[in-house]
Each structure stands twice: as C-alpha cells, then as structure tokens.
Amino acid sequence: MVQRNTWQRERVREALTDARGFVSAQSLHATLRDENTGIGLATVYRALAGLAAQGEADSLQSPEGEALYRACVSAGHHHHLICRSCGLTVEIEATDVEQWARATAERHGFRDAEHVVDIFGLCAQCAAVRGAATADDPRTEKRDAH
C-alpha cells in the first residue's frame, strides 16, 4: 500500500533526517511537539513505519527492545555500528556476515533467508571519555605496573 506524501509525513522525514543517530518515535514526536507542528504520535508512528517499509528509513530494535529509526543513507542491504552512549551510527558492509548467513541458512535447509546485524558498542570518542572518567575516579583500583 502506497502512502500519500502529506505535509505531516514530509515533516517527520525531515525531522528524522535532522536527528543524530537512531531515535524512537516518542523522541521524534517530542521534537515535533516542541516545534508546535501539531503532528500526533500516531501519525509519527505511521510515517516512520511507511518510511521504513519503503527503504527510506532504517529500523532496528534497541538492546532494551524499543523500535528506533534513522534516515537511511545507503540504498540496499547494510549493517550498522551504533554507539550506546551518543548514538553515533556508521553504516557498514559486512561481506563475511553475508556469507555466513547464507551458508548457515542453506546448511539448515532454509531458502530466501533474511537477517539483521547491528553492532552496539562505544565509539572512539565516548570510549576515551569513559576511560578518562574511570582513570579519574578514586574508586577505581590503580595497580602498580611493576
């Protein structure tokens, strides 16, 4: 089913493009509400679902189980590296994962298999900040290198 391209859907698309990393529908709705757009939460959910279905938005489930969305940068199948702290997202190709997924599905008799791989961690900047904070924390055990 093709969705009409209403001004509300277009504004959701713009807000998603402006967002940094993956965002929840509730977070995007809060941004739109703060801008006094009058766009309701149900409209945000519908627009995001439509954008994801048409390949214009990436959708994933956070480690906590919440659906998150991001304006799609790459066309076609890809994977993500996602910072758990700041939300920085890097789109990656993963040839090894593709080969493994295909071989695993075939080995078990599956056809037309699909997969989703998202890797959550800390980006270099957040890891450095966390490392510096840990080093400065007096509760952190410091061992002599001797």
C-alpha atoms as a PDB file:
ATOM      1  CA  MET A   1       0.000   0.000   0.000  1.00  0.00           C
ATOM      2  CA  VAL A   2       1.431   3.340  -1.035  1.00  0.00           C
ATOM      3  CA  GLN A   3       1.193   6.133   1.497  1.00  0.00           C
ATOM      4  CA  ARG A   4       0.254   9.621   0.474  1.00  0.00           C
ATOM      5  CA  ASN A   5       3.063  12.122   0.835  1.00  0.00           C
ATOM      6  CA  THR A   6       1.342  14.520   3.217  1.00  0.00           C
ATOM      7  CA  TRP A   7       2.979  17.546   4.812  1.00  0.00           C
ATOM      8  CA  GLN A   8       2.999  15.647   8.119  1.00  0.00           C
ATOM      9  CA  ARG A   9       4.845  12.681   6.615  1.00  0.00           C
ATOM     10  CA  GLU A  10       7.306  15.037   4.948  1.00  0.00           C
ATOM     11  CA  ARG A  11       7.916  16.860   8.244  1.00  0.00           C
ATOM     12  CA  VAL A  12       8.540  13.523  10.015  1.00  0.00           C
ATOM     13  CA  ARG A  13      11.006  12.618   7.244  1.00  0.00           C
ATOM     14  CA  GLU A  14      12.795  15.976   7.695  1.00  0.00           C
ATOM     15  CA  ALA A  15      12.948  15.591  11.479  1.00  0.00           C
ATOM     16  CA  LEU A  16      14.330  12.071  11.078  1.00  0.00           C
ATOM     17  CA  THR A  17      16.989  13.348   8.674  1.00  0.00           C
ATOM     18  CA  ASP A  18      17.952  16.066  11.178  1.00  0.00           C
ATOM     19  CA  ALA A  19      18.190  13.613  14.093  1.00  0.00           C
ATOM     20  CA  ARG A  20      21.573  12.290  15.118  1.00  0.00           C
ATOM     21  CA  GLY A  21      21.682   8.517  15.019  1.00  0.00           C
ATOM     22  CA  PHE A  22      18.692   6.313  15.733  1.00  0.00           C
ATOM     23  CA  VAL A  23      15.710   7.821  17.550  1.00  0.00           C
ATOM     24  CA  SER A  24      12.465   6.480  18.942  1.00  0.00           C
ATOM     25  CA  ALA A  25       9.081   7.554  17.647  1.00  0.00           C
ATOM     26  CA  GLN A  26       8.412   9.163  21.046  1.00  0.00           C
ATOM     27  CA  SER A  27      11.645  11.175  20.875  1.00  0.00           C
ATOM     28  CA  LEU A  28      10.896  12.335  17.334  1.00  0.00           C
ATOM     29  CA  HIS A  29       7.352  13.220  18.366  1.00  0.00           C
ATOM     30  CA  ALA A  30       8.689  15.294  21.289  1.00  0.00           C
ATOM     31  CA  THR A  31      10.883  17.253  18.870  1.00  0.00           C
ATOM     32  CA  LEU A  32       7.939  17.888  16.554  1.00  0.00           C
ATOM     33  CA  ARG A  33       5.715  18.832  19.507  1.00  0.00           C
ATOM     34  CA  ASP A  34       8.333  21.332  20.732  1.00  0.00           C
ATOM     35  CA  GLU A  35       8.194  22.899  17.258  1.00  0.00           C
ATOM     36  CA  ASN A  36       4.389  23.246  17.581  1.00  0.00           C
ATOM     37  CA  THR A  37       3.744  21.214  14.432  1.00  0.00           C
ATOM     38  CA  GLY A  38       0.548  19.674  15.785  1.00  0.00           C
ATOM     39  CA  ILE A  39       1.624  16.252  14.478  1.00  0.00           C
ATOM     40  CA  GLY A  40       0.314  13.465  16.705  1.00  0.00           C
ATOM     41  CA  LEU A  41       2.217  10.460  17.968  1.00  0.00           C
ATOM     42  CA  ALA A  42       0.107   8.026  15.910  1.00  0.00           C
ATOM     43  CA  THR A  43       0.977   9.992  12.761  1.00  0.00           C
ATOM     44  CA  VAL A  44       4.677   9.798  13.649  1.00  0.00           C
ATOM     45  CA  TYR A  45       4.418   6.017  14.090  1.00  0.00           C
ATOM     46  CA  ARG A  46       2.602   5.593  10.766  1.00  0.00           C
ATOM     47  CA  ALA A  47       5.054   7.836   8.922  1.00  0.00           C
ATOM     48  CA  LEU A  48       8.078   6.027  10.358  1.00  0.00           C
ATOM     49  CA  ALA A  49       6.620   2.611   9.527  1.00  0.00           C
ATOM     50  CA  GLY A  50       5.957   3.760   5.968  1.00  0.00           C
ATOM     51  CA  LEU A  51       9.428   5.245   5.555  1.00  0.00           C
ATOM     52  CA  ALA A  52      10.999   2.019   6.848  1.00  0.00           C
ATOM     53  CA  ALA A  53       8.824  -0.132   4.562  1.00  0.00           C
ATOM     54  CA  GLN A  54       9.874   1.926   1.545  1.00  0.00           C
ATOM     55  CA  GLY A  55      13.574   1.745   2.443  1.00  0.00           C
ATOM     56  CA  GLU A  56      13.807   5.450   3.268  1.00  0.00           C
ATOM     57  CA  ALA A  57      14.488   4.771   6.954  1.00  0.00           C
ATOM     58  CA  ASP A  58      16.459   2.147   8.827  1.00  0.00           C
ATOM     59  CA  SER A  59      14.659   0.490  11.701  1.00  0.00           C
ATOM     60  CA  LEU A  60      16.142  -1.576  14.476  1.00  0.00           C
ATOM     61  CA  GLN A  61      15.379  -2.757  17.938  1.00  0.00           C
ATOM     62  CA  SER A  62      17.469  -1.323  20.742  1.00  0.00           C
ATOM     63  CA  PRO A  63      19.019  -3.668  23.303  1.00  0.00           C
ATOM     64  CA  GLU A  64      16.111  -2.605  25.558  1.00  0.00           C
ATOM     65  CA  GLY A  65      13.563  -3.686  22.927  1.00  0.00           C
ATOM     66  CA  GLU A  66      12.456  -0.255  21.711  1.00  0.00           C
ATOM     67  CA  ALA A  67      11.964   0.374  17.980  1.00  0.00           C
ATOM     68  CA  LEU A  68      14.415   3.004  16.735  1.00  0.00           C
ATOM     69  CA  TYR A  69      14.556   4.771  13.374  1.00  0.00           C
ATOM     70  CA  ARG A  70      17.115   6.651  11.312  1.00  0.00           C
ATOM     71  CA  ALA A  71      17.019   8.262   7.883  1.00  0.00           C
ATOM     72  CA  CYS A  72      18.573   5.755   5.521  1.00  0.00           C
ATOM     73  CA  VAL A  73      21.846   6.877   3.974  1.00  0.00           C
ATOM     74  CA  SER A  74      22.712   3.826   1.873  1.00  0.00           C
ATOM     75  CA  ALA A  75      20.470   2.141  -0.620  1.00  0.00           C
ATOM     76  CA  GLY A  76      20.325  -1.615  -0.338  1.00  0.00           C
ATOM     77  CA  HIS A  77      21.169  -4.042   2.415  1.00  0.00           C
ATOM     78  CA  HIS A  78      23.666  -2.901   5.038  1.00  0.00           C
ATOM     79  CA  HIS A  79      24.508  -3.156   8.727  1.00  0.00           C
ATOM     80  CA  HIS A  80      25.282  -0.653  11.495  1.00  0.00           C
ATOM     81  CA  LEU A  81      27.821   0.111  14.189  1.00  0.00           C
ATOM     82  CA  ILE A  82      25.964   2.068  16.879  1.00  0.00           C
ATOM     83  CA  CYS A  83      27.407   3.872  19.884  1.00  0.00           C
ATOM     84  CA  ARG A  84      25.436   3.005  23.030  1.00  0.00           C
ATOM     85  CA  SER A  85      26.398   6.331  24.580  1.00  0.00           C
ATOM     86  CA  CYS A  86      25.996   9.075  21.961  1.00  0.00           C
ATOM     87  CA  GLY A  87      24.072   7.255  19.214  1.00  0.00           C
ATOM     88  CA  LEU A  88      26.692   7.772  16.511  1.00  0.00           C
ATOM     89  CA  THR A  89      25.849   5.325  13.727  1.00  0.00           C
ATOM     90  CA  VAL A  90      28.101   4.092  10.944  1.00  0.00           C
ATOM     91  CA  GLU A  91      26.680   2.094   8.050  1.00  0.00           C
ATOM     92  CA  ILE A  92      28.886  -0.847   7.156  1.00  0.00           C
ATOM     93  CA  GLU A  93      29.011  -3.625   4.631  1.00  0.00           C
ATOM     94  CA  ALA A  94      29.788  -6.994   6.119  1.00  0.00           C
ATOM     95  CA  THR A  95      30.705  -9.484   3.427  1.00  0.00           C
ATOM     96  CA  ASP A  96      31.743 -12.106   5.982  1.00  0.00           C
ATOM     97  CA  VAL A  97      28.362 -11.829   7.715  1.00  0.00           C
ATOM     98  CA  GLU A  98      26.538 -12.148   4.396  1.00  0.00           C
ATOM     99  CA  GLN A  99      28.459 -15.306   3.500  1.00  0.00           C
ATOM    100  CA  TRP A 100      27.940 -16.788   6.979  1.00  0.00           C
ATOM    101  CA  ALA A 101      24.196 -16.045   6.965  1.00  0.00           C
ATOM    102  CA  ARG A 102      23.722 -17.560   3.509  1.00  0.00           C
ATOM    103  CA  ALA A 103      25.781 -20.684   4.338  1.00  0.00           C
ATOM    104  CA  THR A 104      24.053 -21.167   7.716  1.00  0.00           C
ATOM    105  CA  ALA A 105      20.593 -20.889   6.176  1.00  0.00           C
ATOM    106  CA  GLU A 106      21.479 -23.330   3.381  1.00  0.00           C
ATOM    107  CA  ARG A 107      23.051 -25.807   5.817  1.00  0.00           C
ATOM    108  CA  HIS A 108      19.735 -25.931   7.691  1.00  0.00           C
ATOM    109  CA  GLY A 109      17.600 -26.131   4.555  1.00  0.00           C
ATOM    110  CA  PHE A 110      16.345 -22.538   4.623  1.00  0.00           C
ATOM    111  CA  ARG A 111      15.748 -20.542   1.466  1.00  0.00           C
ATOM    112  CA  ASP A 112      15.132 -16.835   0.948  1.00  0.00           C
ATOM    113  CA  ALA A 113      16.615 -16.146   4.385  1.00  0.00           C
ATOM    114  CA  GLU A 114      16.996 -12.579   5.603  1.00  0.00           C
ATOM    115  CA  HIS A 115      18.970 -11.214   8.538  1.00  0.00           C
ATOM    116  CA  VAL A 116      19.639  -8.093  10.557  1.00  0.00           C
ATOM    117  CA  VAL A 117      23.001  -7.399  12.162  1.00  0.00           C
ATOM    118  CA  ASP A 118      23.581  -4.310  14.273  1.00  0.00           C
ATOM    119  CA  ILE A 119      26.669  -3.965  16.446  1.00  0.00           C
ATOM    120  CA  PHE A 120      26.361  -1.882  19.616  1.00  0.00           C
ATOM    121  CA  GLY A 121      29.443  -0.544  21.382  1.00  0.00           C
ATOM    122  CA  LEU A 122      31.197   2.697  22.277  1.00  0.00           C
ATOM    123  CA  CYS A 123      32.597   4.970  19.588  1.00  0.00           C
ATOM    124  CA  ALA A 124      36.214   6.070  19.989  1.00  0.00           C
ATOM    125  CA  GLN A 125      35.254   9.457  21.466  1.00  0.00           C
ATOM    126  CA  CYS A 126      32.835   8.023  24.057  1.00  0.00           C
ATOM    127  CA  ALA A 127      35.310   5.268  24.960  1.00  0.00           C
ATOM    128  CA  ALA A 128      38.019   7.898  25.505  1.00  0.00           C
ATOM    129  CA  VAL A 129      35.706   9.979  27.700  1.00  0.00           C
ATOM    130  CA  ARG A 130      34.680   6.915  29.679  1.00  0.00           C
ATOM    131  CA  GLY A 131      38.327   5.856  30.004  1.00  0.00           C
ATOM    132  CA  ALA A 132      39.306   9.295  31.269  1.00  0.00           C
ATOM    133  CA  ALA A 133      36.423   9.302  33.746  1.00  0.00           C
ATOM    134  CA  THR A 134      37.408   5.866  35.016  1.00  0.00           C
ATOM    135  CA  ALA A 135      41.040   6.923  35.405  1.00  0.00           C
ATOM    136  CA  ASP A 136      39.982   9.974  37.445  1.00  0.00           C
ATOM    137  CA  ASP A 137      37.579   8.005  39.660  1.00  0.00           C
ATOM    138  CA  PRO A 138      39.170   7.425  43.104  1.00  0.00           C
ATOM    139  CA  ARG A 139      37.052   4.266  43.464  1.00  0.00           C
ATOM    140  CA  THR A 140      38.921   2.724  40.502  1.00  0.00           C
ATOM    141  CA  GLU A 141      41.643   0.372  41.671  1.00  0.00           C
ATOM    142  CA  LYS A 142      45.019   1.521  40.433  1.00  0.00           C
ATOM    143  CA  ARG A 143      47.698  -1.091  40.183  1.00  0.00           C
ATOM    144  CA  ASP A 144      51.414  -0.523  40.092  1.00  0.00           C
ATOM    145  CA  ALA A 145      52.903  -1.616  36.773  1.00  0.00           C
ATOM    146  CA  HIS A 146      55.975  -3.158  38.451  1.00  0.00           C
END
